[in-house]
Structures are given as structure tokens and as C-alpha cells.
């Protein structure tokens, strides 16, 4: 823990100083500037229900109403979110399906991959296996953000034109 703080805190401070020094503030000045409170509430409630349902599944089983009811509730909240954001057609038809697909893919692969990695080593190597698994996961996350970010800009250039952050 001390090594983590010793290395990462100075890097974080340096990043904040660099940002304050080199990056100009940029804000969207066109369109609706209000926060989407109903959308935020629906999203948080859906994530909470999904988490609760899956956490209760091992002890109650999937056939328990508390489990499948909360997971079905996520579907209802998801439909409510889509209906509530009906005016945001571009977001609803481009960004949202991709995020749902990415989330589903990760939910099917990450837990099973972690269980496979941890189950394939003996107990005395479990710490090393966990560390390697976490390091690979972090690196993959960095690459995924970079690649998907680049693809998002590449495939929808009109949406981002004239709204980029200015650098000195």
C-alpha cells in the first residue's frame, strides 16, 4: 500500500499541475445545459438493482423472486431510461446500444476469466495470480479506452466538430 501511494500520489499531483498549466477550460455553450436528474436516478437505481440481484443469487438461487425480480426490474428501468431520454435520439441510437453491448460482454467474460485464473494456481501463488490478473485488466482498460475513444471520434466526426478541447 505504501509503495502504491508513494508512486501514484506524485503522478496524480503532477497530472493536476500539468492540466492546470496546459489545458484551457472548455465548456459546452450550446444546447440544454441542465443536468439529467431523472436519467441519473434511473441509471443509479438500475445499477443498484442489478448488483443486488447478482449478489443475492449465490445464496438464494436464480429461481428466487428476490433475484429474478430485481434483475427484471433492471430491464424496466432500462426501458424507462430509454423512454425518458427519447429526445436524445443520437445518444439513444448510437452510444447507448454500444455501452449495453460492452457491459454485457464484460459481465460474461470478466468474472469467468478471473475465476479461471484464480482456480488454475495453487493457494501459495494466488496473490501473484491476482496481481497479474489485475495488472492485465488495467492495461486492457487503458487500451480499450484509447481504441474505443478513437473509434467513436472516427465514426461520428460531425458530432464532435468544433467542440474539441483547446491546448496551448
Protein backbone atom coordinates (compact mmCIF):
# COMPACT_ATOMS: atom_id res chain seq x y z
CA UNK A 1 0.00 0.00 0.00
CA UNK A 2 2.81 2.43 0.86
CA UNK A 3 4.55 1.78 -2.48
CA UNK A 4 1.28 2.38 -4.33
CA UNK A 5 0.79 5.74 -2.60
CA UNK A 6 4.48 6.62 -2.95
CA UNK A 7 4.32 6.18 -6.73
CA UNK A 8 0.77 7.20 -7.63
CA UNK A 9 0.21 10.28 -5.49
CA UNK A 10 3.11 12.25 -7.04
CA UNK A 11 1.98 11.18 -10.52
CA UNK A 12 -1.55 12.37 -9.76
CA UNK A 13 -0.31 15.69 -8.41
CA UNK A 14 1.94 16.16 -11.45
CA UNK A 15 -1.02 15.41 -13.75
CA UNK A 16 -3.17 18.02 -11.99
CA UNK A 17 -0.40 20.64 -12.23
CA UNK A 18 0.11 19.84 -15.92
CA UNK A 19 -3.63 20.08 -16.60
CA UNK A 20 -3.91 23.45 -14.85
CA UNK A 21 -0.88 24.73 -16.75
CA UNK A 22 -1.51 23.37 -20.25
CA UNK A 23 -5.23 22.70 -20.72
CA UNK A 24 -7.69 25.52 -21.20
CA UNK A 25 -11.14 25.14 -19.70
CA UNK A 26 -13.75 24.33 -22.28
CA UNK A 27 -17.49 24.20 -21.79
CA UNK A 28 -20.42 23.43 -24.00
CA UNK A 29 -22.26 26.68 -24.60
CA UNK A 30 -24.93 25.48 -26.99
CA UNK A 31 -27.98 23.38 -26.26
CA UNK A 32 -29.56 22.39 -22.99
CA UNK A 33 -27.18 22.84 -20.04
CA UNK A 34 -29.35 21.23 -17.37
CA UNK A 35 -28.34 18.03 -15.65
CA UNK A 36 -30.43 14.97 -16.47
CA UNK A 37 -31.57 14.11 -12.94
CA UNK A 38 -34.25 11.60 -13.98
CA UNK A 39 -31.74 9.80 -16.20
CA UNK A 40 -29.16 9.76 -13.40
CA UNK A 41 -31.69 8.37 -10.91
CA UNK A 42 -32.81 5.67 -13.35
CA UNK A 43 -29.20 4.71 -14.09
CA UNK A 44 -28.16 4.52 -10.43
CA UNK A 45 -31.29 2.58 -9.47
CA UNK A 46 -30.76 0.14 -12.34
CA UNK A 47 -27.13 -0.48 -11.40
CA UNK A 48 -28.07 -0.91 -7.74
CA UNK A 49 -30.80 -3.43 -8.59
CA UNK A 50 -28.53 -5.35 -10.93
CA UNK A 51 -25.81 -5.55 -8.29
CA UNK A 52 -28.27 -6.56 -5.59
CA UNK A 53 -29.81 -9.28 -7.76
CA UNK A 54 -26.49 -10.84 -8.66
CA UNK A 55 -25.18 -10.62 -5.10
CA UNK A 56 -28.25 -12.47 -3.79
CA UNK A 57 -28.11 -15.15 -6.49
CA UNK A 58 -25.46 -17.42 -4.88
CA UNK A 59 -27.35 -17.73 -1.59
CA UNK A 60 -30.94 -17.77 -2.90
CA UNK A 61 -30.64 -19.25 -6.39
CA UNK A 62 -31.89 -17.74 -9.62
CA UNK A 63 -35.42 -19.09 -9.16
CA UNK A 64 -36.00 -16.86 -6.11
CA UNK A 65 -38.32 -13.87 -6.79
CA UNK A 66 -35.92 -11.55 -4.99
CA UNK A 67 -33.25 -12.41 -7.56
CA UNK A 68 -35.14 -12.54 -10.83
CA UNK A 69 -37.44 -9.72 -9.69
CA UNK A 70 -34.58 -7.30 -9.17
CA UNK A 71 -32.91 -8.31 -12.41
CA UNK A 72 -36.23 -7.89 -14.28
CA UNK A 73 -36.55 -4.51 -12.56
CA UNK A 74 -33.29 -3.52 -14.25
CA UNK A 75 -34.94 -4.19 -17.61
CA UNK A 76 -37.88 -1.97 -16.67
CA UNK A 77 -35.57 0.81 -15.50
CA UNK A 78 -33.58 0.47 -18.71
CA UNK A 79 -36.74 0.85 -20.79
CA UNK A 80 -37.76 3.82 -18.64
CA UNK A 81 -34.37 5.39 -19.21
CA UNK A 82 -34.68 4.96 -22.97
CA UNK A 83 -38.20 6.45 -22.93
CA UNK A 84 -37.13 9.31 -20.64
CA UNK A 85 -34.24 10.20 -22.96
CA UNK A 86 -36.37 9.90 -26.09
CA UNK A 87 -35.42 13.40 -27.18
CA UNK A 88 -31.74 12.47 -27.26
CA UNK A 89 -32.12 10.34 -30.38
CA UNK A 90 -28.45 10.36 -31.41
CA UNK A 91 -27.33 9.26 -27.95
CA UNK A 92 -30.07 6.68 -27.67
CA UNK A 93 -29.33 5.07 -31.04
CA UNK A 94 -25.52 5.28 -31.18
CA UNK A 95 -23.89 5.45 -27.76
CA UNK A 96 -26.37 3.57 -25.56
CA UNK A 97 -26.51 0.26 -27.53
CA UNK A 98 -22.71 0.13 -27.65
CA UNK A 99 -22.40 0.65 -23.90
CA UNK A 100 -25.02 -2.02 -23.22
CA UNK A 101 -23.19 -4.46 -25.52
CA UNK A 102 -19.84 -3.66 -23.92
CA UNK A 103 -21.26 -4.09 -20.44
CA UNK A 104 -22.90 -7.40 -21.28
CA UNK A 105 -19.74 -8.70 -22.90
CA UNK A 106 -17.65 -7.73 -19.91
CA UNK A 107 -20.12 -9.26 -17.47
CA UNK A 108 -19.92 -12.57 -19.31
CA UNK A 109 -16.13 -12.63 -19.57
CA UNK A 110 -14.50 -10.81 -16.65
CA UNK A 111 -15.89 -12.89 -13.78
CA UNK A 112 -15.29 -16.20 -15.56
CA UNK A 113 -11.76 -15.15 -16.57
CA UNK A 114 -10.92 -14.15 -13.00
CA UNK A 115 -12.35 -17.41 -11.64
CA UNK A 116 -10.32 -19.38 -14.20
CA UNK A 117 -7.09 -17.55 -13.37
CA UNK A 118 -7.54 -17.90 -9.62
CA UNK A 119 -8.61 -21.53 -9.88
CA UNK A 120 -5.65 -22.53 -12.03
CA UNK A 121 -2.95 -21.79 -9.46
CA UNK A 122 -2.18 -23.25 -6.08
CA UNK A 123 -3.01 -21.32 -2.92
CA UNK A 124 0.52 -20.08 -2.33
CA UNK A 125 0.55 -18.39 -5.77
CA UNK A 126 -2.91 -16.85 -5.53
CA UNK A 127 -1.55 -13.40 -4.64
CA UNK A 128 0.74 -13.38 -7.66
CA UNK A 129 -2.06 -14.61 -9.94
CA UNK A 130 -4.38 -11.92 -8.62
CA UNK A 131 -1.74 -9.23 -9.16
CA UNK A 132 -1.02 -10.34 -12.72
CA UNK A 133 -4.74 -10.58 -13.48
CA UNK A 134 -5.35 -7.06 -12.11
CA UNK A 135 -2.36 -5.61 -13.99
CA UNK A 136 -3.51 -7.14 -17.28
CA UNK A 137 -7.03 -5.88 -16.61
CA UNK A 138 -5.78 -2.31 -16.04
CA UNK A 139 -3.64 -2.36 -19.16
CA UNK A 140 -6.52 -3.75 -21.21
CA UNK A 141 -8.77 -0.99 -19.83
CA UNK A 142 -6.31 1.69 -20.91
CA UNK A 143 -6.07 0.25 -24.41
CA UNK A 144 -9.82 -0.24 -24.66
CA UNK A 145 -10.50 3.37 -23.68
CA UNK A 146 -7.96 4.64 -26.18
CA UNK A 147 -9.18 2.42 -29.01
CA UNK A 148 -12.91 2.88 -28.41
CA UNK A 149 -12.43 6.62 -27.94
CA UNK A 150 -10.59 6.86 -31.24
CA UNK A 151 -13.23 4.76 -32.99
CA UNK A 152 -16.03 6.90 -31.56
CA UNK A 153 -14.44 10.05 -32.96
CA UNK A 154 -13.60 8.33 -36.25
CA UNK A 155 -17.12 7.02 -36.90
CA UNK A 156 -19.03 10.12 -35.79
CA UNK A 157 -16.85 13.08 -36.84
CA UNK A 158 -19.72 15.51 -37.37
CA UNK A 159 -20.86 15.24 -33.79
CA UNK A 160 -17.50 16.35 -32.38
CA UNK A 161 -16.53 19.02 -34.89
CA UNK A 162 -15.74 22.37 -33.34
CA UNK A 163 -16.14 21.08 -29.79
CA UNK A 164 -12.64 19.83 -29.04
CA UNK A 165 -10.57 20.90 -26.07
CA UNK A 166 -8.04 23.57 -26.94
CA UNK A 167 -4.41 23.08 -25.96
CA UNK A 168 -1.86 25.89 -25.80
